[in-house]
């Protein structure tokens, strides 16, 4: 197996875990939580986010680093790639920044809050930012297919 294939495998798997996890959380898990009592929803979110964000802490840098490795190590830099690659890089970096904003913003507030209203407000912030990141992730995947 050559380096390009190995980098593409790690890159695509990282993106699938990250964007697929957001899709599952936003489209499947969140609406399904309506059957639980509010206290149970908060407890479940606590467990889900702890596991999901641990995965993203690995998938996000791997996807960005493998993308940069392919861009500069194999394709010769920005001048040698078509515009969808430029857009993918921009969106990938924006997604990484949004993840960091989620983690150190509303997720930190969610983890440290003692009262339910603060936790619920933090969950709403997390939901909105994950929704934005999901849209950016799906657009980035579409761009990857276009290249």
C-alpha atoms as a PDB file:
ATOM      1  CA  UNK A   1       0.000   0.000   0.000  1.00  0.00           C
ATOM      2  CA  UNK A   2       1.412   3.403  -0.912  1.00  0.00           C
ATOM      3  CA  UNK A   3       1.336   6.568   1.225  1.00  0.00           C
ATOM      4  CA  UNK A   4      -1.475   8.197  -0.725  1.00  0.00           C
ATOM      5  CA  UNK A   5      -3.783   5.226  -0.188  1.00  0.00           C
ATOM      6  CA  UNK A   6      -2.931   5.040   3.515  1.00  0.00           C
ATOM      7  CA  UNK A   7      -3.510   8.767   3.987  1.00  0.00           C
ATOM      8  CA  UNK A   8      -6.814   8.623   2.092  1.00  0.00           C
ATOM      9  CA  UNK A   9      -8.029   5.702   4.219  1.00  0.00           C
ATOM     10  CA  UNK A  10      -7.228   7.447   7.501  1.00  0.00           C
ATOM     11  CA  UNK A  11      -8.631  10.739   6.165  1.00  0.00           C
ATOM     12  CA  UNK A  12     -11.935   9.303   4.966  1.00  0.00           C
ATOM     13  CA  UNK A  13     -12.448   7.124   8.059  1.00  0.00           C
ATOM     14  CA  UNK A  14     -11.801  10.124  10.316  1.00  0.00           C
ATOM     15  CA  UNK A  15     -14.310  12.229   8.398  1.00  0.00           C
ATOM     16  CA  UNK A  16     -16.884   9.410   8.451  1.00  0.00           C
ATOM     17  CA  UNK A  17     -16.575   9.069  12.232  1.00  0.00           C
ATOM     18  CA  UNK A  18     -16.793  12.815  12.819  1.00  0.00           C
ATOM     19  CA  UNK A  19     -19.554  13.776  10.375  1.00  0.00           C
ATOM     20  CA  UNK A  20     -21.413  10.487  10.792  1.00  0.00           C
ATOM     21  CA  UNK A  21     -21.406  10.951  14.552  1.00  0.00           C
ATOM     22  CA  UNK A  22     -22.851  14.445  14.179  1.00  0.00           C
ATOM     23  CA  UNK A  23     -25.515  13.159  11.784  1.00  0.00           C
ATOM     24  CA  UNK A  24     -26.502  10.413  14.201  1.00  0.00           C
ATOM     25  CA  UNK A  25     -26.590  12.795  17.174  1.00  0.00           C
ATOM     26  CA  UNK A  26     -28.572  15.481  15.368  1.00  0.00           C
ATOM     27  CA  UNK A  27     -30.957  13.455  13.225  1.00  0.00           C
ATOM     28  CA  UNK A  28     -31.463  10.229  15.195  1.00  0.00           C
ATOM     29  CA  UNK A  29     -30.507  10.587  18.857  1.00  0.00           C
ATOM     30  CA  UNK A  30     -31.812  14.049  19.688  1.00  0.00           C
ATOM     31  CA  UNK A  31     -35.376  13.531  18.393  1.00  0.00           C
ATOM     32  CA  UNK A  32     -35.494  10.104  20.050  1.00  0.00           C
ATOM     33  CA  UNK A  33     -34.758  11.620  23.461  1.00  0.00           C
ATOM     34  CA  UNK A  34     -38.321  12.991  23.654  1.00  0.00           C
ATOM     35  CA  UNK A  35     -39.432   9.688  25.216  1.00  0.00           C
ATOM     36  CA  UNK A  36     -37.184  10.286  28.245  1.00  0.00           C
ATOM     37  CA  UNK A  37     -37.793  12.474  31.256  1.00  0.00           C
ATOM     38  CA  UNK A  38     -35.732  15.708  31.294  1.00  0.00           C
ATOM     39  CA  UNK A  39     -33.332  14.440  33.984  1.00  0.00           C
ATOM     40  CA  UNK A  40     -32.737  11.247  32.009  1.00  0.00           C
ATOM     41  CA  UNK A  41     -32.082  13.280  28.833  1.00  0.00           C
ATOM     42  CA  UNK A  42     -29.393  15.287  30.605  1.00  0.00           C
ATOM     43  CA  UNK A  43     -27.801  12.105  31.976  1.00  0.00           C
ATOM     44  CA  UNK A  44     -27.803  10.489  28.548  1.00  0.00           C
ATOM     45  CA  UNK A  45     -26.338  13.601  26.915  1.00  0.00           C
ATOM     46  CA  UNK A  46     -23.586  13.554  29.526  1.00  0.00           C
ATOM     47  CA  UNK A  47     -22.578  10.005  28.594  1.00  0.00           C
ATOM     48  CA  UNK A  48     -23.020  10.479  24.838  1.00  0.00           C
ATOM     49  CA  UNK A  49     -21.032  13.714  24.635  1.00  0.00           C
ATOM     50  CA  UNK A  50     -18.189  12.324  26.743  1.00  0.00           C
ATOM     51  CA  UNK A  51     -17.756   9.413  24.325  1.00  0.00           C
ATOM     52  CA  UNK A  52     -18.452  11.361  21.120  1.00  0.00           C
ATOM     53  CA  UNK A  53     -16.112  14.249  21.939  1.00  0.00           C
ATOM     54  CA  UNK A  54     -13.359  11.785  22.804  1.00  0.00           C
ATOM     55  CA  UNK A  55     -13.744  10.314  19.309  1.00  0.00           C
ATOM     56  CA  UNK A  56     -13.789  13.763  17.702  1.00  0.00           C
ATOM     57  CA  UNK A  57     -10.626  14.754  19.601  1.00  0.00           C
ATOM     58  CA  UNK A  58      -8.927  11.996  17.580  1.00  0.00           C
ATOM     59  CA  UNK A  59     -10.854  12.158  14.297  1.00  0.00           C
ATOM     60  CA  UNK A  60     -10.693  15.932  13.858  1.00  0.00           C
ATOM     61  CA  UNK A  61      -6.904  16.323  14.003  1.00  0.00           C
ATOM     62  CA  UNK A  62      -6.403  13.131  11.989  1.00  0.00           C
ATOM     63  CA  UNK A  63      -8.664  14.383   9.209  1.00  0.00           C
ATOM     64  CA  UNK A  64      -6.970  17.785   9.118  1.00  0.00           C
ATOM     65  CA  UNK A  65      -3.427  16.407   9.351  1.00  0.00           C
ATOM     66  CA  UNK A  66      -3.953  13.713   6.708  1.00  0.00           C
ATOM     67  CA  UNK A  67      -5.585  16.287   4.432  1.00  0.00           C
ATOM     68  CA  UNK A  68      -2.598  18.595   4.844  1.00  0.00           C
ATOM     69  CA  UNK A  69      -0.181  15.689   4.345  1.00  0.00           C
ATOM     70  CA  UNK A  70      -1.861  14.798   1.054  1.00  0.00           C
ATOM     71  CA  UNK A  71      -2.069  18.437  -0.012  1.00  0.00           C
ATOM     72  CA  UNK A  72       1.555  19.348   0.623  1.00  0.00           C
ATOM     73  CA  UNK A  73       3.322  15.970   0.667  1.00  0.00           C
ATOM     74  CA  UNK A  74       1.733  14.371  -2.369  1.00  0.00           C
ATOM     75  CA  UNK A  75      -0.031  17.027  -4.463  1.00  0.00           C
ATOM     76  CA  UNK A  76       2.653  19.713  -4.123  1.00  0.00           C
ATOM     77  CA  UNK A  77       0.693  22.381  -2.288  1.00  0.00           C
ATOM     78  CA  UNK A  78      -2.221  24.687  -2.931  1.00  0.00           C
ATOM     79  CA  UNK A  79      -1.146  25.689  -6.447  1.00  0.00           C
ATOM     80  CA  UNK A  80      -1.390  22.122  -7.693  1.00  0.00           C
ATOM     81  CA  UNK A  81      -4.948  21.277  -6.640  1.00  0.00           C
ATOM     82  CA  UNK A  82      -8.384  22.245  -7.965  1.00  0.00           C
ATOM     83  CA  UNK A  83     -10.695  24.689  -6.156  1.00  0.00           C
ATOM     84  CA  UNK A  84     -12.740  22.021  -4.326  1.00  0.00           C
ATOM     85  CA  UNK A  85      -9.597  21.059  -2.374  1.00  0.00           C
ATOM     86  CA  UNK A  86      -9.116  24.697  -1.351  1.00  0.00           C
ATOM     87  CA  UNK A  87     -12.739  24.796  -0.200  1.00  0.00           C
ATOM     88  CA  UNK A  88     -12.371  21.472   1.652  1.00  0.00           C
ATOM     89  CA  UNK A  89      -9.363  22.800   3.544  1.00  0.00           C
ATOM     90  CA  UNK A  90     -11.181  26.011   4.468  1.00  0.00           C
ATOM     91  CA  UNK A  91     -14.301  24.168   5.624  1.00  0.00           C
ATOM     92  CA  UNK A  92     -12.290  21.514   7.482  1.00  0.00           C
ATOM     93  CA  UNK A  93     -10.397  24.176   9.418  1.00  0.00           C
ATOM     94  CA  UNK A  94     -13.670  26.012  10.135  1.00  0.00           C
ATOM     95  CA  UNK A  95     -15.195  22.756  11.395  1.00  0.00           C
ATOM     96  CA  UNK A  96     -12.203  22.184  13.658  1.00  0.00           C
ATOM     97  CA  UNK A  97     -12.568  25.706  15.040  1.00  0.00           C
ATOM     98  CA  UNK A  98     -16.300  25.186  15.617  1.00  0.00           C
ATOM     99  CA  UNK A  99     -15.601  21.918  17.432  1.00  0.00           C
ATOM    100  CA  UNK A 100     -13.122  23.701  19.695  1.00  0.00           C
ATOM    101  CA  UNK A 101     -15.695  26.454  20.286  1.00  0.00           C
ATOM    102  CA  UNK A 102     -18.275  23.808  21.239  1.00  0.00           C
ATOM    103  CA  UNK A 103     -15.895  21.940  23.515  1.00  0.00           C
ATOM    104  CA  UNK A 104     -14.529  24.959  25.364  1.00  0.00           C
ATOM    105  CA  UNK A 105     -17.806  26.912  25.254  1.00  0.00           C
ATOM    106  CA  UNK A 106     -21.227  25.350  25.727  1.00  0.00           C
ATOM    107  CA  UNK A 107     -19.917  21.838  26.417  1.00  0.00           C
ATOM    108  CA  UNK A 108     -17.694  23.139  29.221  1.00  0.00           C
ATOM    109  CA  UNK A 109     -20.706  25.042  30.560  1.00  0.00           C
ATOM    110  CA  UNK A 110     -22.795  21.854  30.316  1.00  0.00           C
ATOM    111  CA  UNK A 111     -20.189  19.796  32.205  1.00  0.00           C
ATOM    112  CA  UNK A 112     -19.690  22.312  34.996  1.00  0.00           C
ATOM    113  CA  UNK A 113     -23.268  23.534  35.477  1.00  0.00           C
ATOM    114  CA  UNK A 114     -25.020  22.456  38.640  1.00  0.00           C
ATOM    115  CA  UNK A 115     -28.558  23.470  37.733  1.00  0.00           C
ATOM    116  CA  UNK A 116     -30.775  21.997  35.027  1.00  0.00           C
ATOM    117  CA  UNK A 117     -31.710  25.300  33.282  1.00  0.00           C
ATOM    118  CA  UNK A 118     -28.031  26.101  32.671  1.00  0.00           C
ATOM    119  CA  UNK A 119     -27.422  22.592  31.348  1.00  0.00           C
ATOM    120  CA  UNK A 120     -30.445  22.854  29.033  1.00  0.00           C
ATOM    121  CA  UNK A 121     -29.252  26.240  27.735  1.00  0.00           C
ATOM    122  CA  UNK A 122     -25.802  24.769  27.108  1.00  0.00           C
ATOM    123  CA  UNK A 123     -27.376  21.813  25.282  1.00  0.00           C
ATOM    124  CA  UNK A 124     -29.195  24.234  23.001  1.00  0.00           C
ATOM    125  CA  UNK A 125     -25.906  25.947  22.176  1.00  0.00           C
ATOM    126  CA  UNK A 126     -24.241  22.606  21.506  1.00  0.00           C
ATOM    127  CA  UNK A 127     -27.152  21.539  19.288  1.00  0.00           C
ATOM    128  CA  UNK A 128     -26.985  24.700  17.160  1.00  0.00           C
ATOM    129  CA  UNK A 129     -23.225  24.502  16.701  1.00  0.00           C
ATOM    130  CA  UNK A 130     -23.304  20.787  15.890  1.00  0.00           C
ATOM    131  CA  UNK A 131     -26.040  21.536  13.340  1.00  0.00           C
ATOM    132  CA  UNK A 132     -23.803  24.120  11.691  1.00  0.00           C
ATOM    133  CA  UNK A 133     -20.827  21.747  11.744  1.00  0.00           C
ATOM    134  CA  UNK A 134     -22.958  18.964  10.280  1.00  0.00           C
ATOM    135  CA  UNK A 135     -23.961  21.165   7.333  1.00  0.00           C
ATOM    136  CA  UNK A 136     -20.332  22.160   6.787  1.00  0.00           C
ATOM    137  CA  UNK A 137     -19.255  18.513   7.050  1.00  0.00           C
ATOM    138  CA  UNK A 138     -21.787  17.340   4.470  1.00  0.00           C
ATOM    139  CA  UNK A 139     -20.760  20.169   2.143  1.00  0.00           C
ATOM    140  CA  UNK A 140     -17.101  19.217   2.625  1.00  0.00           C
ATOM    141  CA  UNK A 141     -17.863  15.605   1.737  1.00  0.00           C
ATOM    142  CA  UNK A 142     -19.688  16.772  -1.408  1.00  0.00           C
ATOM    143  CA  UNK A 143     -16.648  18.832  -2.355  1.00  0.00           C
ATOM    144  CA  UNK A 144     -14.435  15.782  -1.834  1.00  0.00           C
ATOM    145  CA  UNK A 145     -16.498  13.862  -4.357  1.00  0.00           C
ATOM    146  CA  UNK A 146     -16.297  16.783  -6.846  1.00  0.00           C
ATOM    147  CA  UNK A 147     -12.551  16.991  -6.877  1.00  0.00           C
END
